[in-house]
PDB file of N, CA and C in Angstrom:
ATOM      1  N   MET A   1      92.836 108.287  82.918  1.00  0.00           N
ATOM      2  CA  MET A   1      93.095 107.421  84.553  1.00  0.00           C
ATOM      3  C   MET A   1      93.706 108.637  85.298  1.00  0.00           C
ATOM      4  N   SER A   2      93.035 108.586  86.677  1.00  0.00           N
ATOM      5  CA  SER A   2      93.333 109.317  87.262  1.00  0.00           C
ATOM      6  C   SER A   2      94.574 108.453  88.375  1.00  0.00           C
ATOM      7  N   THR A   3      95.520 109.179  88.973  1.00  0.00           N
ATOM      8  CA  THR A   3      96.329 108.541  89.627  1.00  0.00           C
ATOM      9  C   THR A   3      95.896 108.662  91.097  1.00  0.00           C
ATOM     10  N   ARG A   4      95.644 108.028  92.222  1.00  0.00           N
ATOM     11  CA  ARG A   4      94.907 107.923  93.926  1.00  0.00           C
ATOM     12  C   ARG A   4      96.031 107.386  94.464  1.00  0.00           C
ATOM     13  N   ASN A   5      96.645 108.461  95.787  1.00  0.00           N
ATOM     14  CA  ASN A   5      97.721 108.196  96.714  1.00  0.00           C
ATOM     15  C   ASN A   5      96.745 108.276  97.741  1.00  0.00           C
ATOM     16  N   ILE A   6      97.327 107.748  98.710  1.00  0.00           N
ATOM     17  CA  ILE A   6      96.813 107.255 100.494  1.00  0.00           C
ATOM     18  C   ILE A   6      97.495 108.166 101.033  1.00  0.00           C
ATOM     19  N   ASP A   7      97.111 109.078 102.025  1.00  0.00           N
ATOM     20  CA  ASP A   7      97.730 110.165 102.942  1.00  0.00           C
ATOM     21  C   ASP A   7      97.481 109.451 104.270  1.00  0.00           C
ATOM     22  N   ALA A   8      98.375 110.225 105.035  1.00  0.00           N
ATOM     23  CA  ALA A   8      98.835 109.497 106.514  1.00  0.00           C
ATOM     24  C   ALA A   8      97.577 108.835 106.818  1.00  0.00           C
ATOM     25  N   ARG A   9      96.687 109.814 106.880  1.00  0.00           N
ATOM     26  CA  ARG A   9      94.876 109.642 107.679  1.00  0.00           C
ATOM     27  C   ARG A   9      94.436 107.808 107.465  1.00  0.00           C
ATOM     28  N   LYS A  10      94.562 108.163 105.638  1.00  0.00           N
ATOM     29  CA  LYS A  10      93.908 107.180 105.194  1.00  0.00           C
ATOM     30  C   LYS A  10      94.456 105.687 105.337  1.00  0.00           C
ATOM     31  N   PHE A  11      96.138 106.186 105.502  1.00  0.00           N
ATOM     32  CA  PHE A  11      97.211 104.851 106.142  1.00  0.00           C
ATOM     33  C   PHE A  11      96.773 104.494 107.177  1.00  0.00           C
ATOM     34  N   GLN A  12      96.375 105.121 108.030  1.00  0.00           N
ATOM     35  CA  GLN A  12      96.315 104.639 108.982  1.00  0.00           C
ATOM     36  C   GLN A  12      94.969 104.308 109.359  1.00  0.00           C
ATOM     37  N   LYS A  13      93.623 104.528 108.759  1.00  0.00           N
ATOM     38  CA  LYS A  13      92.728 103.702 109.057  1.00  0.00           C
ATOM     39  C   LYS A  13      92.927 102.289 107.973  1.00  0.00           C
ATOM     40  N   LEU A  14      93.707 102.076 107.140  1.00  0.00           N
ATOM     41  CA  LEU A  14      93.810 100.991 106.367  1.00  0.00           C
ATOM     42  C   LEU A  14      94.117 100.010 107.246  1.00  0.00           C
ATOM     43  N   PHE A  15      95.212 100.394 108.210  1.00  0.00           N
ATOM     44  CA  PHE A  15      96.491  99.390 108.875  1.00  0.00           C
ATOM     45  C   PHE A  15      95.444  98.860 110.267  1.00  0.00           C
ATOM     46  N   LEU A  16      94.866  99.913 110.911  1.00  0.00           N
ATOM     47  CA  LEU A  16      93.942  99.473 111.520  1.00  0.00           C
ATOM     48  C   LEU A  16      93.031  98.655 111.150  1.00  0.00           C
ATOM     49  N   ALA A  17      91.997  98.268 110.041  1.00  0.00           N
ATOM     50  CA  ALA A  17      91.498  98.001 109.463  1.00  0.00           C
ATOM     51  C   ALA A  17      91.806  96.582 109.186  1.00  0.00           C
ATOM     52  N   GLY A  18      92.691  96.503 108.421  1.00  0.00           N
ATOM     53  CA  GLY A  18      94.210  95.046 108.029  1.00  0.00           C
ATOM     54  C   GLY A  18      94.090  94.601 109.244  1.00  0.00           C
ATOM     55  N   ALA A  19      94.632  95.296 110.382  1.00  0.00           N
ATOM     56  CA  ALA A  19      94.496  94.498 111.703  1.00  0.00           C
ATOM     57  C   ALA A  19      93.557  93.963 112.465  1.00  0.00           C
ATOM     58  N   ASN A  20      92.440  94.220 112.399  1.00  0.00           N
ATOM     59  CA  ASN A  20      91.362  94.299 112.552  1.00  0.00           C
ATOM     60  C   ASN A  20      90.701  92.829 112.225  1.00  0.00           C
ATOM     61  N   ARG A  21      90.974  92.943 110.414  1.00  0.00           N
ATOM     62  CA  ARG A  21      90.615  91.619 109.699  1.00  0.00           C
ATOM     63  C   ARG A  21      91.020  90.257 109.987  1.00  0.00           C
ATOM     64  N   LEU A  22      92.709  91.033 109.997  1.00  0.00           N
ATOM     65  CA  LEU A  22      92.969  89.798 110.609  1.00  0.00           C
ATOM     66  C   LEU A  22      92.907  88.529 111.933  1.00  0.00           C
ATOM     67  N   ASN A  23      92.805  89.614 112.836  1.00  0.00           N
ATOM     68  CA  ASN A  23      92.366  89.295 114.074  1.00  0.00           C
ATOM     69  C   ASN A  23      91.086  88.539 114.198  1.00  0.00           C
ATOM     70  N   SER A  24      90.470  89.162 113.479  1.00  0.00           N
ATOM     71  CA  SER A  24      88.463  88.567 113.243  1.00  0.00           C
ATOM     72  C   SER A  24      88.858  87.104 112.709  1.00  0.00           C
ATOM     73  N   GLN A  25      90.052  86.758 111.293  1.00  0.00           N
ATOM     74  CA  GLN A  25      90.287  85.793 111.090  1.00  0.00           C
ATOM     75  C   GLN A  25      91.051  84.760 111.296  1.00  0.00           C
ATOM     76  N   LYS A  26      91.567  85.197 112.981  1.00  0.00           N
ATOM     77  CA  LYS A  26      92.972  83.931 113.125  1.00  0.00           C
ATOM     78  C   LYS A  26      92.386  82.314 113.465  1.00  0.00           C
ATOM     79  N   GLU A  27      91.173  82.348 113.745  1.00  0.00           N
ATOM     80  CA  GLU A  27      90.838  80.983 113.767  1.00  0.00           C
ATOM     81  C   GLU A  27      90.980  79.836 113.022  1.00  0.00           C
ATOM     82  N   TYR A  28      90.637  80.758 111.629  1.00  0.00           N
ATOM     83  CA  TYR A  28      90.420  80.180 110.450  1.00  0.00           C
ATOM     84  C   TYR A  28      92.127  79.936 110.018  1.00  0.00           C
ATOM     85  N   ILE A  29      92.718  81.200 110.629  1.00  0.00           N
ATOM     86  CA  ILE A  29      94.318  81.173 109.530  1.00  0.00           C
ATOM     87  C   ILE A  29      94.903  79.680 110.483  1.00  0.00           C
ATOM     88  N   ASN A  30      94.613  79.799 112.021  1.00  0.00           N
ATOM     89  CA  ASN A  30      95.021  78.892 112.520  1.00  0.00           C
ATOM     90  C   ASN A  30      94.564  77.274 111.596  1.00  0.00           C
ATOM     91  N   GLU A  31      93.565  77.327 111.100  1.00  0.00           N
ATOM     92  CA  GLU A  31      93.078  76.131 110.654  1.00  0.00           C
ATOM     93  C   GLU A  31      94.442  75.626 109.171  1.00  0.00           C
ATOM     94  N   LEU A  32      94.413  76.420 108.843  1.00  0.00           N
ATOM     95  CA  LEU A  32      95.173  76.289 107.497  1.00  0.00           C
ATOM     96  C   LEU A  32      96.953  75.960 108.054  1.00  0.00           C
ATOM     97  N   ASN A  33      97.490  75.875 109.009  1.00  0.00           N
ATOM     98  CA  ASN A  33      98.343  75.901 109.235  1.00  0.00           C
ATOM     99  C   ASN A  33      99.059  74.229 109.636  1.00  0.00           C
ATOM    100  N   VAL A  34      98.867  73.655 108.428  1.00  0.00           N
ATOM    101  CA  VAL A  34      98.983  71.658 108.813  1.00  0.00           C
ATOM    102  C   VAL A  34     100.848  71.373 108.559  1.00  0.00           C
ATOM    103  N   PHE A  35     101.010  71.940 108.101  1.00  0.00           N
ATOM    104  CA  PHE A  35     102.864  71.950 107.630  1.00  0.00           C
ATOM    105  C   PHE A  35     103.871  72.709 108.378  1.00  0.00           C
ATOM    106  N   PRO A  36     105.279  72.101 108.877  1.00  0.00           N
ATOM    107  CA  PRO A  36     104.927  70.243 108.749  1.00  0.00           C
ATOM    108  C   PRO A  36     104.619  69.772 109.684  1.00  0.00           C
ATOM    109  N   VAL A  37     104.020  70.774 110.999  1.00  0.00           N
ATOM    110  CA  VAL A  37     102.969  70.309 112.283  1.00  0.00           C
ATOM    111  C   VAL A  37     101.803  70.916 112.243  1.00  0.00           C
ATOM    112  N   PRO A  38     100.421  70.331 112.014  1.00  0.00           N
ATOM    113  CA  PRO A  38      99.807  71.399 112.744  1.00  0.00           C
ATOM    114  C   PRO A  38      99.538  72.163 113.988  1.00  0.00           C
ATOM    115  N   ASP A  39     100.098  73.204 114.289  1.00  0.00           N
ATOM    116  CA  ASP A  39     100.829  73.629 115.278  1.00  0.00           C
ATOM    117  C   ASP A  39      99.266  74.279 115.959  1.00  0.00           C
ATOM    118  N   GLY A  40      99.015  74.866 115.171  1.00  0.00           N
ATOM    119  CA  GLY A  40      97.157  75.618 115.443  1.00  0.00           C
ATOM    120  C   GLY A  40      97.406  76.978 116.389  1.00  0.00           C
ATOM    121  N   ASP A  41      98.620  78.138 116.163  1.00  0.00           N
ATOM    122  CA  ASP A  41      98.792  79.313 116.739  1.00  0.00           C
ATOM    123  C   ASP A  41      99.374  80.254 115.540  1.00  0.00           C
ATOM    124  N   THR A  42      99.631  79.873 114.726  1.00  0.00           N
ATOM    125  CA  THR A  42     100.198  80.298 113.429  1.00  0.00           C
ATOM    126  C   THR A  42      98.797  82.058 113.049  1.00  0.00           C
ATOM    127  N   GLY A  43      97.319  81.779 113.111  1.00  0.00           N
ATOM    128  CA  GLY A  43      97.211  83.132 113.191  1.00  0.00           C
ATOM    129  C   GLY A  43      96.824  83.827 114.201  1.00  0.00           C
ATOM    130  N   THR A  44      96.483  82.980 115.427  1.00  0.00           N
ATOM    131  CA  THR A  44      97.150  83.841 116.790  1.00  0.00           C
ATOM    132  C   THR A  44      98.457  84.210 116.935  1.00  0.00           C
ATOM    133  N   ASN A  45      99.320  83.747 116.496  1.00  0.00           N
ATOM    134  CA  ASN A  45     100.651  84.749 116.628  1.00  0.00           C
ATOM    135  C   ASN A  45     100.790  85.844 115.250  1.00  0.00           C
ATOM    136  N   MET A  46     100.436  85.807 114.300  1.00  0.00           N
ATOM    137  CA  MET A  46     100.066  86.603 113.506  1.00  0.00           C
ATOM    138  C   MET A  46      99.232  87.857 114.147  1.00  0.00           C
ATOM    139  N   SER A  47      98.142  87.511 114.856  1.00  0.00           N
ATOM    140  CA  SER A  47      96.756  88.294 115.455  1.00  0.00           C
ATOM    141  C   SER A  47      97.882  89.305 116.408  1.00  0.00           C
ATOM    142  N   MET A  48      98.557  88.461 117.474  1.00  0.00           N
ATOM    143  CA  MET A  48      99.051  88.865 118.520  1.00  0.00           C
ATOM    144  C   MET A  48      99.927  90.160 117.490  1.00  0.00           C
ATOM    145  N   THR A  49     100.717  89.502 117.086  1.00  0.00           N
ATOM    146  CA  THR A  49     102.195  90.497 116.236  1.00  0.00           C
ATOM    147  C   THR A  49     101.060  91.878 115.552  1.00  0.00           C
ATOM    148  N   ILE A  50     100.336  91.450 115.328  1.00  0.00           N
ATOM    149  CA  ILE A  50      99.778  92.983 114.061  1.00  0.00           C
ATOM    150  C   ILE A  50      99.095  94.138 115.176  1.00  0.00           C
ATOM    151  N   LEU A  51      98.585  93.179 116.507  1.00  0.00           N
ATOM    152  CA  LEU A  51      97.794  94.104 117.298  1.00  0.00           C
ATOM    153  C   LEU A  51      98.701  94.769 117.914  1.00  0.00           C
ATOM    154  N   SER A  52      99.855  94.369 117.802  1.00  0.00           N
ATOM    155  CA  SER A  52     101.244  95.058 118.800  1.00  0.00           C
ATOM    156  C   SER A  52     101.094  96.246 117.826  1.00  0.00           C
ATOM    157  N   ALA A  53     101.462  96.724 117.034  1.00  0.00           N
ATOM    158  CA  ALA A  53     101.400  97.571 115.971  1.00  0.00           C
ATOM    159  C   ALA A  53     100.502  98.431 115.850  1.00  0.00           C
ATOM    160  N   ALA A  54      99.122  97.959 115.875  1.00  0.00           N
ATOM    161  CA  ALA A  54      97.501  98.356 116.009  1.00  0.00           C
ATOM    162  C   ALA A  54      97.640  99.036 116.664  1.00  0.00           C
ATOM    163  N   ARG A  55      98.317  99.003 118.097  1.00  0.00           N
ATOM    164  CA  ARG A  55      98.378  99.739 119.455  1.00  0.00           C
ATOM    165  C   ARG A  55      99.070 101.105 119.446  1.00  0.00           C
ATOM    166  N   GLU A  56     100.426 100.528 118.471  1.00  0.00           N
ATOM    167  CA  GLU A  56     101.315 102.038 118.342  1.00  0.00           C
ATOM    168  C   GLU A  56     100.480 102.783 117.412  1.00  0.00           C
ATOM    169  N   VAL A  57      99.966 102.357 116.329  1.00  0.00           N
ATOM    170  CA  VAL A  57      99.211 103.155 115.035  1.00  0.00           C
ATOM    171  C   VAL A  57      98.173 103.388 115.909  1.00  0.00           C
ATOM    172  N   SER A  58      97.556 103.610 116.350  1.00  0.00           N
ATOM    173  CA  SER A  58      96.144 103.481 117.470  1.00  0.00           C
ATOM    174  C   SER A  58      96.151 104.955 118.076  1.00  0.00           C
ATOM    175  N   LYS A  59      98.006 105.092 118.734  1.00  0.00           N
ATOM    176  CA  LYS A  59      98.171 106.284 119.793  1.00  0.00           C
ATOM    177  C   LYS A  59      98.358 107.293 119.117  1.00  0.00           C
ATOM    178  N   ILE A  60      98.833 107.980 117.884  1.00  0.00           N
ATOM    179  CA  ILE A  60      98.787 108.561 116.667  1.00  0.00           C
ATOM    180  C   ILE A  60      97.968 109.777 116.562  1.00  0.00           C
ATOM    181  N   GLU A  61      97.546 110.509 116.971  1.00  0.00           N
ATOM    182  CA  GLU A  61      96.642 111.458 116.766  1.00  0.00           C
ATOM    183  C   GLU A  61      96.921 112.445 115.241  1.00  0.00           C
ATOM    184  N   ASP A  62      97.815 112.785 115.391  1.00  0.00           N
ATOM    185  CA  ASP A  62      98.347 113.586 113.714  1.00  0.00           C
ATOM    186  C   ASP A  62      98.873 112.841 113.146  1.00  0.00           C
ATOM    187  N   PRO A  63      98.441 111.696 111.910  1.00  0.00           N
ATOM    188  CA  PRO A  63      99.551 111.063 111.637  1.00  0.00           C
ATOM    189  C   PRO A  63     100.526 111.531 110.628  1.00  0.00           C
ATOM    190  N   THR A  64     101.668 110.877 110.465  1.00  0.00           N
ATOM    191  CA  THR A  64     102.091 111.191 108.988  1.00  0.00           C
ATOM    192  C   THR A  64     102.959 110.461 108.836  1.00  0.00           C
ATOM    193  N   ILE A  65     103.135 109.971 107.639  1.00  0.00           N
ATOM    194  CA  ILE A  65     103.523 108.525 107.006  1.00  0.00           C
ATOM    195  C   ILE A  65     104.771 107.965 108.093  1.00  0.00           C
ATOM    196  N   PRO A  66     105.734 109.032 108.389  1.00  0.00           N
ATOM    197  CA  PRO A  66     107.203 108.618 108.413  1.00  0.00           C
ATOM    198  C   PRO A  66     106.863 107.566 110.339  1.00  0.00           C
ATOM    199  N   ALA A  67     105.480 108.536 110.773  1.00  0.00           N
ATOM    200  CA  ALA A  67     105.466 108.595 111.979  1.00  0.00           C
ATOM    201  C   ALA A  67     104.474 107.038 112.306  1.00  0.00           C
ATOM    202  N   LEU A  68     103.666 107.216 111.054  1.00  0.00           N
ATOM    203  CA  LEU A  68     103.259 105.488 111.111  1.00  0.00           C
ATOM    204  C   LEU A  68     104.031 104.206 111.043  1.00  0.00           C
ATOM    205  N   CYS A  69     104.818 104.649 109.718  1.00  0.00           N
ATOM    206  CA  CYS A  69     106.353 103.272 109.840  1.00  0.00           C
ATOM    207  C   CYS A  69     106.670 103.234 110.621  1.00  0.00           C
ATOM    208  N   LYS A  70     106.676 104.042 111.609  1.00  0.00           N
ATOM    209  CA  LYS A  70     107.688 103.624 112.653  1.00  0.00           C
ATOM    210  C   LYS A  70     106.856 102.515 113.885  1.00  0.00           C
ATOM    211  N   ALA A  71     105.828 103.405 113.985  1.00  0.00           N
ATOM    212  CA  ALA A  71     104.959 102.384 114.866  1.00  0.00           C
ATOM    213  C   ALA A  71     104.438 101.052 114.505  1.00  0.00           C
ATOM    214  N   ILE A  72     103.944 101.163 113.106  1.00  0.00           N
ATOM    215  CA  ILE A  72     104.036  99.913 112.591  1.00  0.00           C
ATOM    216  C   ILE A  72     105.615  98.942 112.570  1.00  0.00           C
ATOM    217  N   SER A  73     106.300  99.240 112.286  1.00  0.00           N
ATOM    218  CA  SER A  73     107.889  98.514 112.202  1.00  0.00           C
ATOM    219  C   SER A  73     108.115  97.983 113.792  1.00  0.00           C
ATOM    220  N   ASN A  74     107.981  99.115 114.626  1.00  0.00           N
ATOM    221  CA  ASN A  74     108.268  98.919 115.869  1.00  0.00           C
ATOM    222  C   ASN A  74     107.778  98.285 116.746  1.00  0.00           C
ATOM    223  N   GLY A  75     106.410  98.811 116.912  1.00  0.00           N
ATOM    224  CA  GLY A  75     105.455  97.659 117.464  1.00  0.00           C
ATOM    225  C   GLY A  75     104.880  96.309 116.746  1.00  0.00           C
ATOM    226  N   SER A  76     105.305  96.008 115.645  1.00  0.00           N
ATOM    227  CA  SER A  76     105.273  94.902 115.423  1.00  0.00           C
ATOM    228  C   SER A  76     106.397  93.647 115.683  1.00  0.00           C
ATOM    229  N   LEU A  77     107.410  94.787 115.919  1.00  0.00           N
ATOM    230  CA  LEU A  77     108.721  93.943 116.280  1.00  0.00           C
ATOM    231  C   LEU A  77     108.705  93.538 117.854  1.00  0.00           C
ATOM    232  N   ARG A  78     108.636  94.827 118.291  1.00  0.00           N
ATOM    233  CA  ARG A  78     108.052  94.349 119.583  1.00  0.00           C
ATOM    234  C   ARG A  78     106.972  93.317 120.223  1.00  0.00           C
ATOM    235  N   GLY A  79     106.141  93.019 119.212  1.00  0.00           N
ATOM    236  CA  GLY A  79     105.036  92.036 119.514  1.00  0.00           C
ATOM    237  C   GLY A  79     105.106  90.871 118.841  1.00  0.00           C
ATOM    238  N   ALA A  80     105.869  90.464 118.314  1.00  0.00           N
ATOM    239  CA  ALA A  80     106.257  89.910 117.735  1.00  0.00           C
ATOM    240  C   ALA A  80     106.470  88.146 117.930  1.00  0.00           C
ATOM    241  N   ARG A  81     105.047  86.630 117.761  1.00  0.00           N
ATOM    242  CA  ARG A  81     105.403  85.798 118.861  1.00  0.00           C
ATOM    243  C   ARG A  81     105.078  84.501 117.179  1.00  0.00           C
ATOM    244  N   GLY A  82     106.357  83.584 117.858  1.00  0.00           N
ATOM    245  CA  GLY A  82     106.267  81.998 117.178  1.00  0.00           C
ATOM    246  C   GLY A  82     106.952  83.004 115.224  1.00  0.00           C
ATOM    247  N   ASN A  83     106.990  81.797 114.781  1.00  0.00           N
ATOM    248  CA  ASN A  83     107.664  82.481 113.695  1.00  0.00           C
ATOM    249  C   ASN A  83     106.903  83.100 112.610  1.00  0.00           C
ATOM    250  N   SER A  84     105.518  82.832 112.548  1.00  0.00           N
ATOM    251  CA  SER A  84     104.728  83.674 111.849  1.00  0.00           C
ATOM    252  C   SER A  84     104.626  85.068 112.394  1.00  0.00           C
ATOM    253  N   GLY A  85     104.658  85.432 112.853  1.00  0.00           N
ATOM    254  CA  GLY A  85     105.011  86.878 113.640  1.00  0.00           C
ATOM    255  C   GLY A  85     105.910  87.379 113.612  1.00  0.00           C
ATOM    256  N   VAL A  86     107.103  86.868 113.885  1.00  0.00           N
ATOM    257  CA  VAL A  86     108.400  87.233 113.489  1.00  0.00           C
ATOM    258  C   VAL A  86     108.292  87.253 111.756  1.00  0.00           C
ATOM    259  N   ILE A  87     108.031  86.531 110.818  1.00  0.00           N
ATOM    260  CA  ILE A  87     108.390  86.690 109.582  1.00  0.00           C
ATOM    261  C   ILE A  87     107.534  88.004 109.266  1.00  0.00           C
ATOM    262  N   LEU A  88     106.232  88.057 110.134  1.00  0.00           N
ATOM    263  CA  LEU A  88     104.867  89.030 109.756  1.00  0.00           C
ATOM    264  C   LEU A  88     106.047  90.661 110.081  1.00  0.00           C
ATOM    265  N   SER A  89     106.456  90.382 111.159  1.00  0.00           N
ATOM    266  CA  SER A  89     107.089  91.673 111.483  1.00  0.00           C
ATOM    267  C   SER A  89     108.246  92.359 110.585  1.00  0.00           C
ATOM    268  N   GLN A  90     108.645  91.161 109.919  1.00  0.00           N
ATOM    269  CA  GLN A  90     110.302  92.086 108.861  1.00  0.00           C
ATOM    270  C   GLN A  90     109.229  92.096 107.671  1.00  0.00           C
ATOM    271  N   LEU A  91     108.391  91.625 107.447  1.00  0.00           N
ATOM    272  CA  LEU A  91     107.175  91.876 106.619  1.00  0.00           C
ATOM    273  C   LEU A  91     107.118  93.391 106.466  1.00  0.00           C
ATOM    274  N   PHE A  92     106.738  93.835 107.551  1.00  0.00           N
ATOM    275  CA  PHE A  92     106.754  95.010 107.793  1.00  0.00           C
ATOM    276  C   PHE A  92     107.394  96.289 107.584  1.00  0.00           C
ATOM    277  N   ARG A  93     108.429  95.569 108.471  1.00  0.00           N
ATOM    278  CA  ARG A  93     110.061  96.315 108.478  1.00  0.00           C
ATOM    279  C   ARG A  93     110.492  96.699 106.914  1.00  0.00           C
ATOM    280  N   GLY A  94     110.193  95.741 106.556  1.00  0.00           N
ATOM    281  CA  GLY A  94     110.673  96.386 104.568  1.00  0.00           C
ATOM    282  C   GLY A  94     109.738  97.229 104.180  1.00  0.00           C
ATOM    283  N   PHE A  95     108.543  96.527 104.038  1.00  0.00           N
ATOM    284  CA  PHE A  95     107.530  97.280 103.813  1.00  0.00           C
ATOM    285  C   PHE A  95     107.338  99.033 104.165  1.00  0.00           C
ATOM    286  N   THR A  96     108.068  99.352 105.379  1.00  0.00           N
ATOM    287  CA  THR A  96     108.067 100.434 106.237  1.00  0.00           C
ATOM    288  C   THR A  96     109.394 101.455 105.606  1.00  0.00           C
ATOM    289  N   LYS A  97     110.216 100.447 105.206  1.00  0.00           N
ATOM    290  CA  LYS A  97     111.696 101.504 104.971  1.00  0.00           C
ATOM    291  C   LYS A  97     111.082 102.452 104.086  1.00  0.00           C
ATOM    292  N   VAL A  98     110.425 101.538 102.693  1.00  0.00           N
ATOM    293  CA  VAL A  98     110.303 102.015 102.032  1.00  0.00           C
ATOM    294  C   VAL A  98     109.203 102.994 101.594  1.00  0.00           C
ATOM    295  N   VAL A  99     108.448 103.003 102.260  1.00  0.00           N
ATOM    296  CA  VAL A  99     107.327 104.129 102.652  1.00  0.00           C
ATOM    297  C   VAL A  99     107.253 105.013 103.146  1.00  0.00           C
ATOM    298  N   SER A 100     107.980 105.218 104.319  1.00  0.00           N
ATOM    299  CA  SER A 100     109.129 105.959 104.934  1.00  0.00           C
ATOM    300  C   SER A 100     109.109 107.094 104.458  1.00  0.00           C
ATOM    301  N   LYS A 101     109.897 107.131 103.641  1.00  0.00           N
ATOM    302  CA  LYS A 101     110.436 108.290 102.576  1.00  0.00           C
ATOM    303  C   LYS A 101     109.392 109.306 101.785  1.00  0.00           C
ATOM    304  N   ALA A 102     107.888 108.629 101.330  1.00  0.00           N
ATOM    305  CA  ALA A 102     107.141 109.222 100.644  1.00  0.00           C
ATOM    306  C   ALA A 102     106.003 110.344 101.832  1.00  0.00           C
ATOM    307  N   ASP A 103     105.756 111.317 100.964  1.00  0.00           N
ATOM    308  CA  ASP A 103     104.619 111.952 101.864  1.00  0.00           C
ATOM    309  C   ASP A 103     103.059 111.568 102.059  1.00  0.00           C
ATOM    310  N   SER A 104     102.751 110.667 100.240  1.00  0.00           N
ATOM    311  CA  SER A 104     101.730 109.860 100.494  1.00  0.00           C
ATOM    312  C   SER A 104     101.504 108.684  99.643  1.00  0.00           C
ATOM    313  N   ILE A 105     101.076 107.765 100.005  1.00  0.00           N
ATOM    314  CA  ILE A 105     101.750 106.261  99.375  1.00  0.00           C
ATOM    315  C   ILE A 105     100.989 105.815  97.636  1.00  0.00           C
ATOM    316  N   GLY A 106     101.651 105.823  96.603  1.00  0.00           N
ATOM    317  CA  GLY A 106     101.089 105.245  95.707  1.00  0.00           C
ATOM    318  C   GLY A 106     101.395 104.483  95.162  1.00  0.00           C
ATOM    319  N   ARG A 107     101.185 103.933  93.815  1.00  0.00           N
ATOM    320  CA  ARG A 107     101.560 102.696  93.580  1.00  0.00           C
ATOM    321  C   ARG A 107     103.282 102.270  92.984  1.00  0.00           C
ATOM    322  N   GLU A 108     104.138 103.416  92.779  1.00  0.00           N
ATOM    323  CA  GLU A 108     105.126 102.759  93.150  1.00  0.00           C
ATOM    324  C   GLU A 108     106.009 102.616  94.442  1.00  0.00           C
ATOM    325  N   GLU A 109     105.365 103.356  95.318  1.00  0.00           N
ATOM    326  CA  GLU A 109     105.896 103.642  96.894  1.00  0.00           C
ATOM    327  C   GLU A 109     105.252 101.676  97.250  1.00  0.00           C
ATOM    328  N   ILE A 110     104.230 101.886  97.210  1.00  0.00           N
ATOM    329  CA  ILE A 110     103.405  99.964  97.211  1.00  0.00           C
ATOM    330  C   ILE A 110     104.402  99.243  96.690  1.00  0.00           C
ATOM    331  N   ALA A 111     104.507  99.342  95.244  1.00  0.00           N
ATOM    332  CA  ALA A 111     105.000  97.447  94.590  1.00  0.00           C
ATOM    333  C   ALA A 111     106.762  98.093  95.179  1.00  0.00           C
ATOM    334  N   GLY A 112     106.968  99.240  95.913  1.00  0.00           N
ATOM    335  CA  GLY A 112     108.524  99.207  96.001  1.00  0.00           C
ATOM    336  C   GLY A 112     109.066  98.294  97.258  1.00  0.00           C
ATOM    337  N   GLY A 113     107.660  98.416  98.384  1.00  0.00           N
ATOM    338  CA  GLY A 113     107.261  98.383  99.945  1.00  0.00           C
ATOM    339  C   GLY A 113     107.197  97.320  99.801  1.00  0.00           C
ATOM    340  N   PHE A 114     106.563  96.404  98.922  1.00  0.00           N
ATOM    341  CA  PHE A 114     106.446  94.893  98.629  1.00  0.00           C
ATOM    342  C   PHE A 114     107.561  94.517  98.514  1.00  0.00           C
ATOM    343  N   GLU A 115     108.347  94.735  97.436  1.00  0.00           N
ATOM    344  CA  GLU A 115     109.635  93.820  97.162  1.00  0.00           C
ATOM    345  C   GLU A 115     110.801  94.238  98.312  1.00  0.00           C
ATOM    346  N   ARG A 116     110.777  95.079  99.010  1.00  0.00           N
ATOM    347  CA  ARG A 116     111.492  95.504  99.847  1.00  0.00           C
ATOM    348  C   ARG A 116     111.006  94.401 101.364  1.00  0.00           C
ATOM    349  N   ALA A 117     109.738  94.110 101.411  1.00  0.00           N
ATOM    350  CA  ALA A 117     109.714  93.480 102.659  1.00  0.00           C
ATOM    351  C   ALA A 117     109.899  92.124 102.594  1.00  0.00           C
ATOM    352  N   VAL A 118     109.845  91.356 101.364  1.00  0.00           N
ATOM    353  CA  VAL A 118     109.868  90.151 100.700  1.00  0.00           C
ATOM    354  C   VAL A 118     111.389  89.795 101.177  1.00  0.00           C
ATOM    355  N   GLU A 119     112.412  90.696 100.066  1.00  0.00           N
ATOM    356  CA  GLU A 119     113.037  90.693 100.682  1.00  0.00           C
ATOM    357  C   GLU A 119     114.286  91.021 102.377  1.00  0.00           C
ATOM    358  N   THR A 120     113.585  91.723 102.694  1.00  0.00           N
ATOM    359  CA  THR A 120     113.526  91.487 104.202  1.00  0.00           C
ATOM    360  C   THR A 120     113.021  90.075 105.081  1.00  0.00           C
ATOM    361  N   ALA A 121     112.112  89.892 104.752  1.00  0.00           N
ATOM    362  CA  ALA A 121     111.797  88.427 105.249  1.00  0.00           C
ATOM    363  C   ALA A 121     112.407  87.223 105.153  1.00  0.00           C
ATOM    364  N   TYR A 122     112.857  87.183 103.707  1.00  0.00           N
ATOM    365  CA  TYR A 122     114.001  86.107 103.294  1.00  0.00           C
ATOM    366  C   TYR A 122     115.442  86.098 104.296  1.00  0.00           C
ATOM    367  N   LYS A 123     115.420  87.633 104.612  1.00  0.00           N
ATOM    368  CA  LYS A 123     117.061  87.399 105.037  1.00  0.00           C
ATOM    369  C   LYS A 123     116.922  87.188 106.421  1.00  0.00           C
ATOM    370  N   ALA A 124     115.334  87.678 107.285  1.00  0.00           N
ATOM    371  CA  ALA A 124     115.700  87.182 108.177  1.00  0.00           C
ATOM    372  C   ALA A 124     115.527  85.671 108.565  1.00  0.00           C
ATOM    373  N   VAL A 125     114.915  84.750 107.591  1.00  0.00           N
ATOM    374  CA  VAL A 125     114.729  83.311 108.002  1.00  0.00           C
ATOM    375  C   VAL A 125     115.795  82.486 106.857  1.00  0.00           C
ATOM    376  N   MET A 126     117.100  82.369 108.069  1.00  0.00           N
ATOM    377  CA  MET A 126     117.965  81.596 107.383  1.00  0.00           C
ATOM    378  C   MET A 126     117.809  80.401 106.619  1.00  0.00           C
ATOM    379  N   LYS A 127     117.336  79.495 107.397  1.00  0.00           N
ATOM    380  CA  LYS A 127     116.820  78.205 106.397  1.00  0.00           C
ATOM    381  C   LYS A 127     115.208  78.211 106.264  1.00  0.00           C
ATOM    382  N   THR A 128     114.936  78.605 105.084  1.00  0.00           N
ATOM    383  CA  THR A 128     112.971  78.021 104.683  1.00  0.00           C
ATOM    384  C   THR A 128     113.236  76.944 104.876  1.00  0.00           C
ATOM    385  N   LYS A 129     112.112  76.232 104.867  1.00  0.00           N
ATOM    386  CA  LYS A 129     112.070  75.122 105.117  1.00  0.00           C
ATOM    387  C   LYS A 129     110.245  74.938 104.033  1.00  0.00           C
TER     388      LYS A 129
END
């Protein structure tokens, strides 16, 4: 079994593709949100948040993993809208703290990034419901 890692250029493309996909599905996500009230803006807020990060990521012409992680973390935090946007930005913040230390991203970095993402998001929301 061969090990496959994600280099900076691929990471940039994957992030931008994910941002575009979330943006294209924002109305569907809006319809999913019915608790505690059907406010209908979760997808819109998440979309605005990730697109803010995507703008920063798009500006990087010669990507490195640390530069991309900084753009994702800072861009999503500055663009965070609503509770869902803040939580998404914190997921990105946690993930990028781990991944930014790598030259390329493999299974261990992804798993560690996801663990840190969850920890960071839970710490950001003091009273979850």
